[in-house]
């Protein structure tokens, strides 16, 4: 009997953090929660963003788990979801080391296809630069190379999201910031039991931000610090470009959290393909799941075939 779609074949905790700390202190090992879905030969690693558990990739995991050739790995970064949240400041390079140790323990030492969203994209940049031979492709979603001041709406969101205590109000507040209002008001897909896209994403956001344990304020501050201090120089981006790893950059024109200009900069420095989703917000993988996953599939396949495209395209959906 086949495994139900989207159900992990393996999950649990792995202890990491032996290798590096952001300052000269003794390593402080922590436990990371992870899930592995599927048993196919093509490996996919998905990295979530600031303060967000790995369940934010639910629709992407469902898409790829329906295809027998894939195995999908997700995990909660330190300070989010079910992973431990040590006190102190974090960095994107530190969290990249966490991911690298996780991959080592699981035996994923080659042919890994990587996707990072928001701060997960920042972590992904650091991760690939740490071990370029381990990765076969890279998709950077709603992210940047760093040293970009946060938008005012982002600051207001971070200040308010923890103070909205009513679960329904919190989910509605988050939805209105993650997704464009026009998209939320649109009818849900015909095969969906929901009337609007807002109704469609409400159970998804509830699972992430209500049902999943929320880390304390210290973890949110640590995540914000990691995002604000993240920086990958033009020189290091050139090093990544020189590896020949197929890279795709994805952004939405209505992103309230990471300026689309950061994606244009990445495309210029990495000399790779950039897809701009017209009218889309920050969480493109859950807003435009099928289109996003097909782009990822194409990237994986083009990497296998050695075909690389360098241009900017508009996605009108």
Protein backbone atom coordinates (compact mmCIF):
# COMPACT_ATOMS: atom_id res chain seq x y z
CA UNK A 1 0.00 0.00 0.00
CA UNK A 2 1.42 3.40 -0.93
CA UNK A 3 2.16 6.07 1.66
CA UNK A 4 -0.52 8.82 1.88
CA UNK A 5 0.53 12.02 0.12
CA UNK A 6 2.44 14.46 2.32
CA UNK A 7 2.85 12.07 5.27
CA UNK A 8 6.49 11.90 6.50
CA UNK A 9 8.23 8.54 6.25
CA UNK A 10 10.69 9.71 8.90
CA UNK A 11 10.65 12.45 11.52
CA UNK A 12 12.23 13.30 14.82
CA UNK A 13 15.09 15.23 16.36
CA UNK A 14 18.78 15.46 15.48
CA UNK A 15 21.35 17.20 17.64
CA UNK A 16 23.48 19.78 15.83
CA UNK A 17 25.50 22.86 16.75
CA UNK A 18 28.83 21.24 17.50
CA UNK A 19 30.67 23.08 14.75
CA UNK A 20 30.25 26.83 15.09
CA UNK A 21 28.92 29.69 17.21
CA UNK A 22 28.51 33.34 16.13
CA UNK A 23 31.12 34.43 18.68
CA UNK A 24 34.12 32.78 20.30
CA UNK A 25 32.35 30.58 22.80
CA UNK A 26 32.03 26.89 23.36
CA UNK A 27 29.58 25.22 20.97
CA UNK A 28 26.06 24.84 22.34
CA UNK A 29 24.46 21.75 20.76
CA UNK A 30 20.70 21.96 20.18
CA UNK A 31 18.03 19.62 18.87
CA UNK A 32 16.47 20.34 15.48
CA UNK A 33 13.12 18.87 14.47
CA UNK A 34 12.98 17.44 10.94
CA UNK A 35 10.66 15.53 8.62
CA UNK A 36 11.52 13.48 5.55
CA UNK A 37 8.81 12.64 3.01
CA UNK A 38 9.09 10.28 0.06
CA UNK A 39 11.71 7.70 -0.93
CA UNK A 40 12.76 8.80 -4.39
CA UNK A 41 16.32 9.34 -5.65
CA UNK A 42 15.92 13.10 -6.25
CA UNK A 43 16.62 14.96 -3.01
CA UNK A 44 14.96 18.28 -2.13
CA UNK A 45 15.78 20.40 0.93
CA UNK A 46 13.40 23.25 1.85
CA UNK A 47 14.41 25.97 4.33
CA UNK A 48 11.86 28.22 6.04
CA UNK A 49 12.16 31.87 6.97
CA UNK A 50 12.14 34.17 9.96
CA UNK A 51 10.22 32.80 12.94
CA UNK A 52 8.41 30.33 10.72
CA UNK A 53 8.24 26.54 11.20
CA UNK A 54 8.99 24.22 8.31
CA UNK A 55 5.28 23.41 7.94
CA UNK A 56 5.10 26.61 5.84
CA UNK A 57 6.28 24.35 2.99
CA UNK A 58 3.24 22.07 3.33
CA UNK A 59 1.82 22.64 -0.15
CA UNK A 60 5.25 22.21 -1.76
CA UNK A 61 5.83 18.96 0.15
CA UNK A 62 2.40 17.71 -0.94
CA UNK A 63 3.18 18.53 -4.57
CA UNK A 64 6.51 16.70 -4.70
CA UNK A 65 5.48 13.80 -2.46
CA UNK A 66 2.85 12.89 -5.05
CA UNK A 67 5.74 12.10 -7.40
CA UNK A 68 7.68 8.91 -6.60
CA UNK A 69 11.05 10.24 -7.81
CA UNK A 70 11.42 12.75 -4.95
CA UNK A 71 12.45 12.74 -1.30
CA UNK A 72 11.73 16.00 0.53
CA UNK A 73 13.47 17.15 3.71
CA UNK A 74 12.20 19.99 5.89
CA UNK A 75 13.32 21.10 9.35
CA UNK A 76 12.60 23.81 11.90
CA UNK A 77 15.45 26.30 12.21
CA UNK A 78 16.79 26.95 15.68
CA UNK A 79 14.35 29.23 17.44
CA UNK A 80 11.27 28.12 15.49
CA UNK A 81 8.65 25.39 15.56
CA UNK A 82 9.59 22.25 17.49
CA UNK A 83 13.35 22.91 17.43
CA UNK A 84 15.12 24.26 20.48
CA UNK A 85 15.53 28.01 20.89
CA UNK A 86 18.77 28.75 22.73
CA UNK A 87 19.30 32.21 24.19
CA UNK A 88 21.69 34.56 22.44
CA UNK A 89 21.90 36.10 19.01
CA UNK A 90 21.74 33.97 15.85
CA UNK A 91 23.27 34.41 12.41
CA UNK A 92 22.34 33.05 9.00
CA UNK A 93 25.76 31.38 8.75
CA UNK A 94 25.18 29.69 12.11
CA UNK A 95 21.82 28.35 10.95
CA UNK A 96 23.45 27.23 7.70
CA UNK A 97 25.93 25.21 9.78
CA UNK A 98 22.95 23.66 11.58
CA UNK A 99 21.53 22.58 8.23
CA UNK A 100 24.89 21.26 7.04
CA UNK A 101 25.26 19.08 10.14
CA UNK A 102 21.70 17.83 9.69
CA UNK A 103 22.47 16.83 6.10
CA UNK A 104 25.68 15.09 7.18
CA UNK A 105 23.89 13.03 9.81
CA UNK A 106 21.17 12.03 7.35
CA UNK A 107 23.78 11.12 4.73
CA UNK A 108 22.73 13.79 2.22
CA UNK A 109 26.25 14.60 1.04
CA UNK A 110 25.60 15.09 -2.67
CA UNK A 111 22.94 15.88 -5.30
CA UNK A 112 20.79 18.05 -3.02
CA UNK A 113 18.31 20.44 -4.65
CA UNK A 114 17.78 23.40 -2.33
CA UNK A 115 14.99 25.97 -1.97
CA UNK A 116 15.00 28.75 0.61
CA UNK A 117 12.24 31.26 1.29
CA UNK A 118 12.74 34.72 2.85
CA UNK A 119 15.38 34.31 5.59
CA UNK A 120 15.53 30.69 4.46
CA UNK A 121 16.96 32.03 1.20
CA UNK A 122 19.59 33.92 3.14
CA UNK A 123 20.49 30.74 5.01
CA UNK A 124 20.56 28.88 1.68
CA UNK A 125 23.11 31.28 0.22
CA UNK A 126 25.42 30.68 3.18
CA UNK A 127 24.79 26.94 3.05
CA UNK A 128 25.69 26.49 -0.61
CA UNK A 129 28.83 28.61 -0.20
CA UNK A 130 29.94 26.31 2.62
CA UNK A 131 29.82 23.21 0.42
CA UNK A 132 29.12 23.97 -3.24
CA UNK A 133 29.74 20.39 -4.39
CA UNK A 134 26.87 19.08 -2.27
CA UNK A 135 24.13 20.94 -4.17
CA UNK A 136 22.67 20.38 -7.64
CA UNK A 137 20.35 23.39 -7.86
CA UNK A 138 19.23 26.40 -5.86
CA UNK A 139 16.00 28.40 -5.87
CA UNK A 140 15.99 31.67 -3.92
CA UNK A 141 12.50 32.87 -3.06
CA UNK A 142 11.50 36.31 -1.72
CA UNK A 143 14.97 36.97 -0.34
CA UNK A 144 18.10 39.09 -0.72
CA UNK A 145 21.85 39.18 -0.18
CA UNK A 146 21.58 41.36 2.91
CA UNK A 147 22.29 44.91 4.06
CA UNK A 148 18.83 45.96 2.97
CA UNK A 149 16.77 47.94 5.47
CA UNK A 150 13.44 46.26 6.30
CA UNK A 151 10.29 47.82 4.93
CA UNK A 152 8.19 49.79 7.41
CA UNK A 153 5.34 47.29 7.10
CA UNK A 154 7.76 44.54 8.17
CA UNK A 155 8.73 46.40 11.33
CA UNK A 156 5.10 47.07 12.20
CA UNK A 157 4.23 43.43 11.57
CA UNK A 158 6.97 42.11 13.88
CA UNK A 159 5.94 44.54 16.62
CA UNK A 160 2.27 43.59 16.46
CA UNK A 161 2.09 39.91 15.55
CA UNK A 162 3.00 38.67 19.04
CA UNK A 163 0.49 40.99 20.71
CA UNK A 164 -2.55 39.77 18.76
CA UNK A 165 -3.73 37.10 21.18
CA UNK A 166 -7.04 36.07 19.66
CA UNK A 167 -6.25 33.12 17.32
CA UNK A 168 -8.72 34.10 14.60
CA UNK A 169 -7.59 37.72 14.65
CA UNK A 170 -3.92 36.70 14.52
CA UNK A 171 -4.44 34.43 11.51
CA UNK A 172 -6.37 37.13 9.67
CA UNK A 173 -3.69 39.70 10.52
CA UNK A 174 -0.92 37.42 9.23
CA UNK A 175 -2.84 36.54 6.05
CA UNK A 176 -3.37 40.19 5.20
CA UNK A 177 0.39 40.81 5.41
CA UNK A 178 1.65 37.65 3.73
CA UNK A 179 -0.73 37.75 0.75
CA UNK A 180 -2.12 40.54 -1.45
CA UNK A 181 -5.63 41.61 -0.51
CA UNK A 182 -6.84 41.13 -4.09
CA UNK A 183 -5.64 37.49 -4.05
CA UNK A 184 -7.24 36.75 -0.67
CA UNK A 185 -10.60 37.99 -1.99
CA UNK A 186 -10.45 35.87 -5.14
CA UNK A 187 -12.49 32.64 -5.37
CA UNK A 188 -10.61 29.56 -4.21
CA UNK A 189 -9.71 26.90 -6.83
CA UNK A 190 -12.73 24.99 -8.15
CA UNK A 191 -11.61 21.72 -6.55
CA UNK A 192 -11.39 23.40 -3.13
CA UNK A 193 -14.16 23.24 -0.48
CA UNK A 194 -13.51 26.91 0.37
CA UNK A 195 -15.14 29.97 -1.17
CA UNK A 196 -12.20 32.39 -1.15
CA UNK A 197 -8.41 32.17 -0.98
CA UNK A 198 -8.57 33.69 2.52
CA UNK A 199 -10.67 30.75 3.66
CA UNK A 200 -8.27 28.44 1.82
CA UNK A 201 -5.11 29.64 3.61
CA UNK A 202 -6.69 30.08 7.04
CA UNK A 203 -6.27 26.41 8.14
CA UNK A 204 -2.71 26.49 6.75
CA UNK A 205 -1.78 29.61 8.72
CA UNK A 206 -3.54 28.30 11.82
CA UNK A 207 -1.38 25.18 11.69
CA UNK A 208 1.79 27.27 11.43
CA UNK A 209 1.12 30.10 13.86
CA UNK A 210 -1.46 28.73 16.29
CA UNK A 211 -1.14 24.95 16.51
CA UNK A 212 2.68 24.88 16.31
CA UNK A 213 4.53 26.02 19.47
CA UNK A 214 5.72 29.61 19.23
CA UNK A 215 9.23 30.39 20.44
CA UNK A 216 9.68 33.13 23.02
CA UNK A 217 10.42 36.76 22.33
CA UNK A 218 14.16 36.05 22.65
CA UNK A 219 14.01 33.70 19.64
CA UNK A 220 12.14 36.26 17.54
CA UNK A 221 14.74 38.88 18.42
CA UNK A 222 17.50 36.40 17.53
CA UNK A 223 15.87 35.68 14.15
CA UNK A 224 15.45 39.38 13.43
CA UNK A 225 19.10 39.94 14.30
CA UNK A 226 20.15 37.15 11.92
CA UNK A 227 18.14 38.66 9.07
CA UNK A 228 19.31 42.23 9.71
CA UNK A 229 23.00 41.29 9.94
CA UNK A 230 22.93 38.87 7.00
CA UNK A 231 25.30 39.84 4.20
CA UNK A 232 26.71 38.00 1.21
CA UNK A 233 29.12 40.25 -0.65
CA UNK A 234 29.32 40.64 -4.42
CA UNK A 235 32.63 38.78 -4.29
CA UNK A 236 31.04 35.78 -2.57
CA UNK A 237 28.10 35.85 -4.95
CA UNK A 238 30.62 35.74 -7.81
CA UNK A 239 32.16 32.66 -6.20
CA UNK A 240 28.72 31.04 -6.15
CA UNK A 241 28.13 32.01 -9.78
CA UNK A 242 31.45 30.46 -10.77
CA UNK A 243 30.39 27.05 -9.46
CA UNK A 244 27.92 26.61 -12.32
CA UNK A 245 25.12 25.47 -10.01
CA UNK A 246 21.80 26.22 -11.74
CA UNK A 247 20.08 28.99 -9.78
CA UNK A 248 16.61 30.50 -10.00
CA UNK A 249 15.50 33.67 -8.22
CA UNK A 250 11.78 34.19 -7.56
CA UNK A 251 9.93 37.26 -6.25
CA UNK A 252 6.47 38.80 -6.16
CA UNK A 253 5.65 42.39 -7.05
CA UNK A 254 3.46 42.78 -3.92
CA UNK A 255 5.98 41.47 -1.39
CA UNK A 256 5.52 43.41 1.86
CA UNK A 257 8.54 41.94 3.62
CA UNK A 258 11.51 41.72 1.23
CA UNK A 259 11.85 44.30 -1.51
CA UNK A 260 11.75 42.79 -5.02
CA UNK A 261 14.84 44.92 -5.79
CA UNK A 262 16.83 42.43 -3.72
CA UNK A 263 15.90 39.70 -6.18
CA UNK A 264 16.90 41.83 -9.15
CA UNK A 265 20.27 42.40 -7.49
CA UNK A 266 20.74 38.66 -6.93
CA UNK A 267 19.88 37.96 -10.56
CA UNK A 268 22.43 40.50 -11.74
CA UNK A 269 25.21 39.20 -9.51
CA UNK A 270 24.48 35.51 -10.05
CA UNK A 271 23.68 35.89 -13.77
CA UNK A 272 20.75 33.54 -13.45
CA UNK A 273 17.05 33.40 -14.32
CA UNK A 274 14.62 35.61 -12.39
CA UNK A 275 10.88 34.95 -12.30
CA UNK A 276 8.68 37.84 -11.18
CA UNK A 277 5.15 36.87 -10.13
CA UNK A 278 2.94 39.84 -11.00
CA UNK A 279 0.55 40.64 -8.16
CA UNK A 280 1.94 38.00 -5.79
CA UNK A 281 3.08 38.51 -2.21
CA UNK A 282 5.77 37.12 0.05
CA UNK A 283 4.78 33.46 0.43
CA UNK A 284 4.79 32.46 -3.23
CA UNK A 285 5.10 28.67 -2.65
CA UNK A 286 1.69 28.59 -0.93
CA UNK A 287 0.08 31.30 -3.07
CA UNK A 288 1.20 29.95 -6.46
CA UNK A 289 2.04 26.36 -5.53
CA UNK A 290 1.74 24.60 -8.89
CA UNK A 291 3.55 27.30 -10.86
CA UNK A 292 6.31 27.52 -8.25
CA UNK A 293 6.84 23.77 -8.04
CA UNK A 294 6.91 23.41 -11.82
CA UNK A 295 9.64 26.06 -11.95
CA UNK A 296 11.58 24.06 -9.37
CA UNK A 297 11.10 20.86 -11.37
CA UNK A 298 12.35 22.60 -14.51
CA UNK A 299 15.39 23.90 -12.62
CA UNK A 300 16.23 20.42 -11.35
CA UNK A 301 15.85 18.97 -14.85
CA UNK A 302 17.87 21.71 -16.54
CA UNK A 303 20.61 21.12 -14.01
CA UNK A 304 20.70 17.46 -15.00
CA UNK A 305 20.82 18.35 -18.68
CA UNK A 306 23.30 21.18 -18.29
CA UNK A 307 20.91 23.74 -19.81
CA UNK A 308 21.05 27.18 -18.17
CA UNK A 309 18.91 30.21 -19.01
CA UNK A 310 19.81 33.78 -18.05
CA UNK A 311 16.95 36.22 -18.32
CA UNK A 312 14.11 37.91 -16.44
CA UNK A 313 10.56 36.70 -16.98
CA UNK A 314 7.18 37.91 -15.78
CA UNK A 315 4.71 35.36 -14.46
CA UNK A 316 1.14 36.58 -14.98
CA UNK A 317 -1.18 34.29 -13.06
